[in-house]
N, C-alpha and C. Protein backbone atom coordinates (compact mmCIF):
# COMPACT_ATOMS: atom_id res chain seq x y z
N MET A 1 6.65 -23.68 12.85
CA MET A 1 6.57 -24.95 12.10
C MET A 1 7.28 -24.64 10.88
N THR A 2 8.25 -25.56 10.46
CA THR A 2 8.98 -25.25 9.21
C THR A 2 8.27 -26.13 8.00
N ALA A 3 8.50 -25.51 6.77
CA ALA A 3 7.98 -26.27 5.71
C ALA A 3 8.79 -27.26 5.26
N THR A 4 8.28 -28.07 4.46
CA THR A 4 9.01 -29.36 3.91
C THR A 4 9.79 -28.95 2.40
N THR A 5 10.67 -29.85 2.11
CA THR A 5 11.47 -29.61 0.72
C THR A 5 10.18 -29.85 -0.28
N ASP A 6 9.19 -30.55 -0.04
CA ASP A 6 8.12 -30.85 -1.06
C ASP A 6 7.27 -29.50 -1.11
N GLU A 7 6.89 -29.12 0.05
CA GLU A 7 6.18 -27.84 -0.02
C GLU A 7 6.87 -26.63 -0.69
N ALA A 8 8.30 -26.47 -0.53
CA ALA A 8 8.94 -25.24 -1.07
C ALA A 8 9.09 -25.68 -2.68
N ARG A 9 9.22 -26.99 -3.09
CA ARG A 9 9.10 -27.31 -4.34
C ARG A 9 7.69 -26.73 -5.14
N PHE A 10 6.85 -27.10 -4.25
CA PHE A 10 5.49 -26.64 -4.65
C PHE A 10 5.29 -25.21 -5.17
N VAL A 11 5.83 -24.34 -4.06
CA VAL A 11 5.78 -22.86 -4.32
C VAL A 11 6.56 -22.62 -5.57
N PHE A 12 7.83 -23.16 -5.70
CA PHE A 12 8.69 -22.79 -6.62
C PHE A 12 8.18 -23.21 -7.86
N ASP A 13 7.64 -24.48 -8.05
CA ASP A 13 6.92 -24.83 -9.35
C ASP A 13 5.66 -23.85 -9.84
N GLU A 14 4.82 -23.95 -8.71
CA GLU A 14 3.53 -23.22 -8.97
C GLU A 14 3.71 -21.76 -9.33
N TRP A 15 4.71 -21.01 -8.51
CA TRP A 15 4.83 -19.80 -8.73
C TRP A 15 5.31 -19.21 -10.13
N HIS A 16 6.23 -20.17 -10.66
CA HIS A 16 6.54 -19.94 -12.14
C HIS A 16 5.47 -20.19 -13.09
N ARG A 17 4.82 -21.32 -12.90
CA ARG A 17 3.63 -21.86 -13.76
C ARG A 17 2.63 -20.79 -13.75
N LEU A 18 2.21 -20.21 -12.52
CA LEU A 18 1.16 -19.15 -12.60
C LEU A 18 1.61 -17.90 -13.30
N VAL A 19 2.67 -17.47 -12.98
CA VAL A 19 3.47 -16.12 -13.79
C VAL A 19 3.52 -16.23 -15.26
N THR A 20 3.90 -17.51 -15.90
CA THR A 20 4.03 -17.68 -17.12
C THR A 20 2.50 -17.84 -17.81
N GLU A 21 1.34 -18.54 -16.88
CA GLU A 21 0.18 -18.50 -17.43
C GLU A 21 -0.65 -17.06 -17.08
N HIS A 22 -0.09 -16.03 -16.56
CA HIS A 22 -0.81 -14.79 -16.45
C HIS A 22 -1.92 -14.91 -15.48
N ASP A 23 -1.77 -15.80 -14.44
CA ASP A 23 -2.93 -15.97 -13.68
C ASP A 23 -2.75 -15.39 -12.24
N GLY A 24 -3.11 -14.15 -12.18
CA GLY A 24 -2.80 -13.36 -11.10
C GLY A 24 -3.58 -13.90 -9.96
N ALA A 25 -4.93 -14.24 -10.07
CA ALA A 25 -5.62 -14.75 -8.91
C ALA A 25 -5.12 -15.98 -8.06
N ALA A 26 -4.69 -16.75 -9.06
CA ALA A 26 -4.12 -17.97 -8.37
C ALA A 26 -2.67 -17.89 -7.82
N LEU A 27 -1.96 -16.86 -8.46
CA LEU A 27 -0.71 -16.42 -7.96
C LEU A 27 -1.03 -15.89 -6.52
N ALA A 28 -2.07 -14.92 -6.46
CA ALA A 28 -2.04 -14.38 -5.28
C ALA A 28 -2.63 -15.47 -4.01
N ALA A 29 -3.22 -16.58 -4.43
CA ALA A 29 -3.62 -17.57 -3.33
C ALA A 29 -2.40 -18.08 -2.95
N LEU A 30 -1.07 -17.97 -3.41
CA LEU A 30 -0.09 -18.61 -2.78
C LEU A 30 0.31 -17.88 -1.64
N TYR A 31 -0.17 -16.60 -1.41
CA TYR A 31 0.47 -15.58 -0.45
C TYR A 31 -0.56 -15.49 0.68
N THR A 32 -0.04 -15.29 1.81
CA THR A 32 -0.65 -15.14 3.08
C THR A 32 -1.68 -13.80 3.04
N ASP A 33 -2.57 -13.57 3.76
CA ASP A 33 -3.34 -12.28 3.82
C ASP A 33 -2.83 -11.33 4.15
N ASP A 34 -1.80 -11.35 5.14
CA ASP A 34 -0.79 -10.31 5.66
C ASP A 34 0.68 -10.20 4.77
N ALA A 35 0.82 -10.72 3.78
CA ALA A 35 1.88 -10.71 2.93
C ALA A 35 2.53 -9.44 2.66
N VAL A 36 3.83 -9.20 2.75
CA VAL A 36 4.38 -7.90 2.20
C VAL A 36 5.29 -8.24 0.91
N LEU A 37 5.01 -7.47 -0.09
CA LEU A 37 5.90 -7.98 -1.33
C LEU A 37 6.41 -6.68 -1.76
N GLU A 38 7.75 -6.77 -2.10
CA GLU A 38 8.58 -5.68 -2.57
C GLU A 38 9.01 -5.93 -4.03
N SER A 39 8.85 -4.92 -4.89
CA SER A 39 9.34 -5.15 -6.36
C SER A 39 9.39 -3.86 -6.95
N PRO A 40 10.33 -3.83 -7.80
CA PRO A 40 10.53 -2.24 -8.50
C PRO A 40 9.35 -2.17 -9.38
N LEU A 41 8.47 -3.29 -9.68
CA LEU A 41 7.37 -2.98 -10.61
C LEU A 41 6.25 -2.32 -9.71
N VAL A 42 6.28 -2.35 -8.42
CA VAL A 42 5.12 -1.86 -7.64
C VAL A 42 4.81 -0.29 -8.05
N PRO A 43 5.87 0.52 -8.03
CA PRO A 43 5.46 1.95 -8.16
C PRO A 43 5.27 2.07 -9.84
N ARG A 44 5.58 1.37 -10.73
CA ARG A 44 5.36 1.60 -12.13
C ARG A 44 3.85 0.97 -12.35
N LEU A 45 3.27 0.16 -11.55
CA LEU A 45 1.83 -0.30 -11.88
C LEU A 45 1.03 0.47 -10.75
N LEU A 46 1.28 0.70 -9.59
CA LEU A 46 0.37 1.25 -8.77
C LEU A 46 0.69 2.84 -8.32
N ASP A 47 -0.10 3.53 -8.85
CA ASP A 47 0.06 4.93 -8.43
C ASP A 47 0.27 5.36 -7.12
N ASN A 48 -0.06 4.80 -6.21
CA ASN A 48 0.10 5.17 -4.75
C ASN A 48 1.03 4.34 -4.05
N ALA A 49 1.97 3.64 -4.69
CA ALA A 49 2.81 2.89 -4.16
C ALA A 49 4.25 3.29 -4.26
N GLU A 50 4.71 4.42 -4.04
CA GLU A 50 6.23 5.02 -4.11
C GLU A 50 7.16 4.04 -3.72
N SER A 51 6.84 3.37 -2.44
CA SER A 51 7.87 2.58 -1.87
C SER A 51 8.33 1.51 -2.63
N GLY A 52 7.61 0.80 -3.44
CA GLY A 52 7.91 -0.34 -4.21
C GLY A 52 7.21 -1.55 -3.22
N ILE A 53 6.47 -1.32 -2.24
CA ILE A 53 5.98 -2.33 -1.21
C ILE A 53 4.60 -2.18 -1.35
N VAL A 54 3.91 -3.60 -1.36
CA VAL A 54 2.69 -3.75 -1.29
C VAL A 54 2.35 -4.65 0.09
N ARG A 55 1.36 -4.27 0.98
CA ARG A 55 1.13 -4.77 2.02
C ARG A 55 -0.42 -5.15 2.04
N GLY A 56 -0.56 -6.70 2.53
CA GLY A 56 -1.80 -7.05 2.65
C GLY A 56 -2.73 -7.60 1.51
N ARG A 57 -3.59 -8.35 1.78
CA ARG A 57 -4.42 -9.06 0.62
C ARG A 57 -4.85 -7.97 -0.40
N ALA A 58 -5.48 -7.04 -0.13
CA ALA A 58 -5.98 -5.86 -1.05
C ALA A 58 -5.02 -5.32 -2.06
N GLU A 59 -3.93 -4.93 -1.50
CA GLU A 59 -2.80 -4.37 -2.35
C GLU A 59 -2.15 -5.47 -3.22
N LEU A 60 -1.94 -6.55 -2.54
CA LEU A 60 -1.38 -7.76 -3.21
C LEU A 60 -2.15 -8.17 -4.35
N ASP A 61 -3.35 -8.40 -4.11
CA ASP A 61 -4.21 -8.86 -5.29
C ASP A 61 -4.33 -7.79 -6.39
N ALA A 62 -4.47 -6.51 -6.23
CA ALA A 62 -4.30 -5.42 -7.04
C ALA A 62 -3.16 -5.32 -7.87
N PHE A 63 -1.99 -5.65 -7.16
CA PHE A 63 -0.66 -5.65 -7.89
C PHE A 63 -0.51 -6.75 -8.63
N LEU A 64 -0.89 -8.05 -8.34
CA LEU A 64 -0.58 -9.17 -9.05
C LEU A 64 -1.55 -9.18 -10.03
N ALA A 65 -2.86 -8.73 -10.11
CA ALA A 65 -3.56 -8.63 -11.26
C ALA A 65 -3.12 -7.72 -12.23
N LEU A 66 -2.79 -6.64 -11.89
CA LEU A 66 -1.93 -5.70 -13.02
C LEU A 66 -0.71 -6.31 -13.58
N ALA A 67 0.23 -6.86 -12.64
CA ALA A 67 1.42 -7.62 -12.95
C ALA A 67 1.16 -8.77 -14.23
N THR A 68 0.34 -9.53 -14.00
CA THR A 68 0.20 -10.51 -14.58
C THR A 68 -0.66 -10.30 -16.06
N ALA A 69 -1.57 -9.25 -15.78
CA ALA A 69 -2.21 -8.88 -17.28
C ALA A 69 -1.43 -8.17 -18.13
N ARG A 70 -0.28 -7.33 -17.59
CA ARG A 70 0.53 -6.66 -18.47
C ARG A 70 1.84 -7.32 -18.78
N LYS A 71 2.13 -8.38 -18.29
CA LYS A 71 3.29 -9.18 -18.49
C LYS A 71 3.45 -9.59 -19.92
N PRO A 72 4.36 -9.35 -20.74
CA PRO A 72 4.63 -9.79 -22.15
C PRO A 72 4.62 -11.37 -22.23
N VAL A 73 4.34 -11.78 -23.42
CA VAL A 73 4.35 -13.40 -23.67
C VAL A 73 5.78 -13.63 -23.52
N ASP A 74 5.81 -15.03 -23.32
CA ASP A 74 7.23 -15.51 -23.02
C ASP A 74 8.18 -15.25 -23.93
N ASP A 75 8.04 -15.37 -25.29
CA ASP A 75 9.01 -15.23 -26.14
C ASP A 75 9.42 -13.84 -26.31
N GLU A 76 8.71 -12.74 -25.75
CA GLU A 76 9.01 -11.45 -25.72
C GLU A 76 9.74 -11.03 -24.43
N LEU A 77 9.87 -12.00 -23.39
CA LEU A 77 10.39 -11.93 -22.17
C LEU A 77 11.29 -12.99 -21.86
N PRO A 78 12.37 -13.35 -22.31
CA PRO A 78 13.25 -14.34 -22.25
C PRO A 78 13.80 -14.62 -20.66
N SER A 79 13.72 -13.43 -19.99
CA SER A 79 14.17 -13.69 -18.59
C SER A 79 13.37 -14.71 -17.70
N LEU A 80 12.56 -15.16 -18.30
CA LEU A 80 11.80 -16.07 -17.42
C LEU A 80 12.31 -17.54 -17.54
N TYR A 81 13.49 -17.67 -18.17
CA TYR A 81 14.25 -18.81 -18.08
C TYR A 81 14.81 -18.99 -16.51
N ARG A 82 14.90 -19.98 -16.04
CA ARG A 82 15.21 -20.37 -14.61
C ARG A 82 15.89 -21.80 -14.64
N ARG A 83 16.94 -21.99 -13.82
CA ARG A 83 17.33 -23.30 -13.68
C ARG A 83 16.30 -23.97 -12.64
N ASP A 84 16.58 -25.37 -12.55
CA ASP A 84 15.60 -26.19 -11.69
C ASP A 84 15.96 -26.22 -10.35
N THR A 85 16.61 -25.26 -9.69
CA THR A 85 17.25 -25.35 -8.50
C THR A 85 16.77 -24.02 -7.57
N PHE A 86 16.75 -24.15 -6.25
CA PHE A 86 16.18 -23.13 -5.55
C PHE A 86 17.12 -23.58 -4.00
N ALA A 87 17.08 -22.49 -3.23
CA ALA A 87 17.88 -22.60 -2.01
C ALA A 87 16.51 -22.57 -0.96
N PHE A 88 16.79 -23.40 0.05
CA PHE A 88 15.42 -23.58 1.05
C PHE A 88 15.98 -23.99 2.50
N ASP A 89 15.69 -23.37 3.46
CA ASP A 89 16.25 -23.70 4.78
C ASP A 89 15.10 -24.02 5.91
N GLY A 90 13.98 -24.36 5.29
CA GLY A 90 12.78 -24.75 6.13
C GLY A 90 12.04 -23.60 6.38
N LYS A 91 12.43 -22.55 6.25
CA LYS A 91 11.59 -21.08 6.38
C LYS A 91 11.44 -20.28 5.43
N SER A 92 12.80 -20.15 4.45
CA SER A 92 12.66 -19.30 3.43
C SER A 92 13.34 -20.05 2.12
N ILE A 93 12.64 -19.61 0.96
CA ILE A 93 13.09 -20.16 -0.10
C ILE A 93 13.47 -18.89 -1.10
N ILE A 94 14.49 -19.16 -2.10
CA ILE A 94 15.12 -18.29 -2.76
C ILE A 94 15.59 -19.02 -4.20
N TRP A 95 15.39 -18.25 -5.41
CA TRP A 95 15.82 -18.63 -6.52
C TRP A 95 15.94 -17.50 -7.62
N GLU A 96 16.72 -17.74 -8.71
CA GLU A 96 16.77 -16.58 -9.54
C GLU A 96 16.51 -16.96 -10.97
N TYR A 97 16.14 -15.92 -11.66
CA TYR A 97 15.91 -15.81 -13.09
C TYR A 97 17.32 -15.17 -13.72
N PRO A 98 18.27 -15.89 -14.09
CA PRO A 98 19.57 -15.32 -14.48
C PRO A 98 19.60 -14.42 -15.61
N ARG A 99 20.34 -13.50 -15.94
CA ARG A 99 20.48 -12.75 -16.95
C ARG A 99 20.89 -13.66 -18.22
N GLU A 100 21.64 -14.31 -17.96
CA GLU A 100 22.28 -15.35 -19.05
C GLU A 100 21.60 -16.43 -19.04
N THR A 101 21.05 -16.99 -20.13
CA THR A 101 20.33 -18.15 -20.45
C THR A 101 21.33 -19.22 -21.27
N PRO A 102 20.59 -20.32 -21.49
CA PRO A 102 21.66 -21.25 -22.06
C PRO A 102 21.75 -20.83 -23.69
N ASN A 103 20.97 -19.87 -24.22
CA ASN A 103 21.05 -19.17 -25.52
C ASN A 103 21.88 -17.95 -25.49
N GLY A 104 22.58 -17.60 -24.33
CA GLY A 104 23.25 -16.43 -24.36
C GLY A 104 22.53 -15.39 -23.36
N ASP A 105 23.11 -14.07 -23.41
CA ASP A 105 22.51 -12.88 -22.61
C ASP A 105 21.17 -12.54 -23.26
N CYS A 106 20.17 -12.53 -22.49
CA CYS A 106 18.66 -12.19 -22.83
C CYS A 106 18.52 -10.76 -22.84
N GLY A 107 19.25 -10.08 -22.16
CA GLY A 107 19.12 -8.54 -22.27
C GLY A 107 18.14 -8.02 -21.09
N SER A 108 17.68 -8.98 -20.40
CA SER A 108 16.74 -8.54 -19.08
C SER A 108 17.76 -8.55 -17.80
N PRO A 109 17.20 -7.77 -16.82
CA PRO A 109 17.92 -7.80 -15.71
C PRO A 109 17.88 -9.29 -14.85
N ARG A 110 18.75 -9.50 -14.09
CA ARG A 110 18.75 -10.72 -13.27
C ARG A 110 17.58 -10.44 -12.20
N ILE A 111 16.92 -11.41 -12.05
CA ILE A 111 15.69 -11.29 -10.87
C ILE A 111 15.75 -12.39 -9.94
N VAL A 112 15.79 -12.03 -8.76
CA VAL A 112 15.89 -13.01 -7.64
C VAL A 112 14.52 -12.86 -6.82
N GLU A 113 14.11 -14.16 -6.76
CA GLU A 113 12.74 -14.26 -5.91
C GLU A 113 13.07 -14.80 -4.60
N GLY A 114 12.53 -14.34 -3.68
CA GLY A 114 12.63 -14.81 -2.19
C GLY A 114 11.38 -14.87 -1.46
N PHE A 115 11.12 -15.87 -0.61
CA PHE A 115 9.85 -15.91 0.12
C PHE A 115 10.10 -16.51 1.50
N SER A 116 9.39 -15.83 2.43
CA SER A 116 9.39 -16.67 3.76
C SER A 116 8.18 -17.46 3.78
N MET A 117 8.10 -18.99 3.93
CA MET A 117 7.14 -19.94 3.83
C MET A 117 6.56 -19.78 5.33
N ARG A 118 5.08 -19.84 5.16
CA ARG A 118 4.30 -20.03 6.34
C ARG A 118 3.16 -21.12 5.96
N LEU A 119 2.73 -21.92 6.89
CA LEU A 119 1.89 -23.09 6.50
C LEU A 119 0.53 -22.84 7.30
N PRO A 120 -0.22 -21.93 7.04
CA PRO A 120 -1.49 -22.13 7.67
C PRO A 120 -2.15 -23.45 7.31
N GLY A 121 -3.46 -23.77 7.93
CA GLY A 121 -3.96 -24.98 7.49
C GLY A 121 -4.25 -25.36 6.37
N ARG A 122 -4.29 -24.55 5.29
CA ARG A 122 -4.52 -24.86 3.71
C ARG A 122 -3.23 -25.45 3.07
N GLY A 123 -2.20 -25.27 3.49
CA GLY A 123 -0.95 -25.69 2.70
C GLY A 123 0.08 -24.65 2.55
N PRO A 124 0.99 -24.72 1.85
CA PRO A 124 2.05 -23.70 1.77
C PRO A 124 1.48 -22.33 1.24
N ARG A 125 1.86 -21.22 1.90
CA ARG A 125 1.63 -19.85 1.32
C ARG A 125 2.97 -19.04 1.71
N CYS A 126 2.99 -17.87 1.17
CA CYS A 126 4.35 -17.19 1.20
C CYS A 126 3.81 -15.87 1.70
N SER A 127 5.09 -15.13 2.20
CA SER A 127 4.99 -13.72 2.38
C SER A 127 6.35 -13.24 1.82
N ARG A 128 6.17 -12.69 0.57
CA ARG A 128 7.50 -12.34 -0.17
C ARG A 128 8.07 -11.03 0.33
N SER A 129 9.36 -11.00 0.59
CA SER A 129 9.85 -9.66 1.05
C SER A 129 11.19 -9.46 0.51
């Protein structure tokens, strides 16, 4: 089953909102129980995750709780600027937080987010890879 553009828009909007609100528990609810997440932040926040990958509900919940608790406030991290566009093919969604913002270079690295969309009975959830 493929996801709809409205479901992709929901994930796109909710993921950004929950990150900016530092809500790790609600952010984790967007992911499937068997999600795989890869991020350069993983080995910085989790001592036992040298690979930069977390797998499954327990590791994902622990990582997102730490990541959202330690995230600087928005005015300290201007890289949270993003355009209101994403690419979506019915199965995967991708968007970027560009290095350059309308106010110039923010000094933060460019971040690209990509998710495989899956739709178990409760609505859109993601496996980020």
